[in-house]
Amino acid sequence: MAKKPGFSWERHLEVGKQLKTISGQLLKLSTEIANTYPIQSKATRRAKSAYKKVLDLRCEMDNVVGHDCSNKTDSELNKVYYGSEEEQTAQAKKTSSNLH
């Protein structure tokens, strides 16, 4: 079986941006659902599960970007699926305000 080539650097950047957006949207939505419906409701459990699955995918893609794009620096690779430190701080502040 032939080995598949993996994503290009440009495609990883696109997918990273998409996954960051999706995870932010799912976090907001799952928080809203959890604040509206019982914690053990099927809707709340599934919303949390969807958010966790996207986080798991981001983590896995973060693992493979280094293999696909081994010519990039650690600093460049670290920003693809989790963003710069500034982006992470901004996301953490948004998350914190959504949970209250």
Protein backbone atom coordinates (compact mmCIF):
# COMPACT_ATOMS: atom_id res chain seq x y z
CA MET A 1 0.00 0.00 0.00
CA ALA A 2 1.43 3.39 -1.00
CA LYS A 3 2.01 5.98 1.69
CA LYS A 4 -0.23 9.03 1.41
CA PRO A 5 1.65 12.33 1.16
CA GLY A 6 -0.02 14.26 4.00
CA PHE A 7 -0.97 17.94 3.90
CA SER A 8 1.19 20.70 2.52
CA TRP A 9 2.22 23.55 4.84
CA GLU A 10 -0.42 25.80 3.28
CA ARG A 11 -3.15 23.20 3.78
CA HIS A 12 -2.14 22.69 7.42
CA LEU A 13 -2.45 26.47 7.93
CA GLU A 14 -5.94 26.44 6.38
CA VAL A 15 -7.10 23.42 8.38
CA GLY A 16 -5.61 24.84 11.58
CA LYS A 17 -7.57 28.05 11.10
CA GLN A 18 -10.76 26.10 10.39
CA LEU A 19 -10.35 23.87 13.44
CA LYS A 20 -9.66 26.85 15.72
CA THR A 21 -12.86 28.51 14.45
CA ILE A 22 -14.93 25.34 14.78
CA SER A 23 -13.68 24.60 18.30
CA GLY A 24 -14.44 28.18 19.38
CA GLN A 25 -17.95 27.94 17.95
CA LEU A 26 -18.57 24.54 19.54
CA LEU A 27 -17.30 25.76 22.90
CA LYS A 28 -19.70 28.68 22.80
CA LEU A 29 -22.58 26.48 21.68
CA SER A 30 -21.91 23.70 24.19
CA THR A 31 -21.67 26.27 26.99
CA GLU A 32 -25.01 27.76 25.94
CA ILE A 33 -26.60 24.31 25.78
CA ALA A 34 -25.17 23.32 29.18
CA ASN A 35 -26.50 26.54 30.70
CA THR A 36 -29.95 25.93 29.19
CA TYR A 37 -30.50 22.18 29.56
CA PRO A 38 -29.81 19.71 32.37
CA ILE A 39 -26.17 18.63 32.59
CA GLN A 40 -27.11 14.98 32.03
CA SER A 41 -29.39 15.70 29.07
CA LYS A 42 -28.55 14.07 25.77
CA ALA A 43 -28.16 17.50 24.16
CA THR A 44 -25.60 18.65 26.74
CA ARG A 45 -23.63 15.40 26.61
CA ARG A 46 -23.51 15.39 22.82
CA ALA A 47 -22.51 19.04 22.61
CA LYS A 48 -19.63 18.44 25.02
CA SER A 49 -18.68 15.29 23.11
CA ALA A 50 -18.60 17.16 19.78
CA TYR A 51 -16.35 19.83 21.31
CA LYS A 52 -14.01 17.20 22.77
CA LYS A 53 -13.77 15.38 19.43
CA VAL A 54 -12.72 18.58 17.65
CA LEU A 55 -10.09 19.19 20.37
CA ASP A 56 -8.85 15.62 19.89
CA LEU A 57 -8.59 16.21 16.13
CA ARG A 58 -6.66 19.45 16.68
CA CYS A 59 -4.28 17.58 18.95
CA GLU A 60 -3.73 14.82 16.40
CA MET A 61 -3.21 17.28 13.57
CA ASP A 62 -0.74 19.17 15.75
CA ASN A 63 1.16 15.89 16.07
CA VAL A 64 1.27 15.21 12.31
CA VAL A 65 2.14 18.71 11.09
CA GLY A 66 5.71 18.22 12.31
CA HIS A 67 6.06 15.05 10.24
CA ASP A 68 4.47 16.57 7.15
CA CYS A 69 6.44 19.82 7.35
CA SER A 70 9.72 18.85 8.96
CA ASN A 71 11.48 21.83 7.36
CA LYS A 72 9.58 24.28 9.59
CA THR A 73 10.77 25.57 12.96
CA ASP A 74 9.15 24.57 16.24
CA SER A 75 7.89 28.13 16.60
CA GLU A 76 6.13 27.94 13.23
CA LEU A 77 4.73 24.46 13.91
CA ASN A 78 3.39 25.42 17.34
CA LYS A 79 1.20 28.16 15.86
CA VAL A 80 -0.63 26.08 13.27
CA TYR A 81 -3.25 24.30 15.40
CA TYR A 82 -3.04 26.25 18.64
CA GLY A 83 -2.07 29.71 17.48
CA SER A 84 0.35 32.19 18.87
CA GLU A 85 0.57 32.88 22.58
CA GLU A 86 -1.50 36.02 22.04
CA GLU A 87 -4.25 34.04 20.30
CA GLN A 88 -4.28 31.46 23.09
CA THR A 89 -4.56 34.18 25.73
CA ALA A 90 -7.43 35.85 23.87
CA GLN A 91 -9.21 32.49 23.51
CA ALA A 92 -8.75 31.71 27.21
CA LYS A 93 -10.29 35.08 28.14
CA LYS A 94 -13.24 34.42 25.82
CA THR A 95 -13.69 30.94 27.27
CA SER A 96 -13.58 32.27 30.81
CA SER A 97 -16.23 34.91 30.08
CA ASN A 98 -18.46 32.31 28.35
CA LEU A 99 -18.39 30.04 31.39
CA HIS A 100 -19.74 32.70 33.76
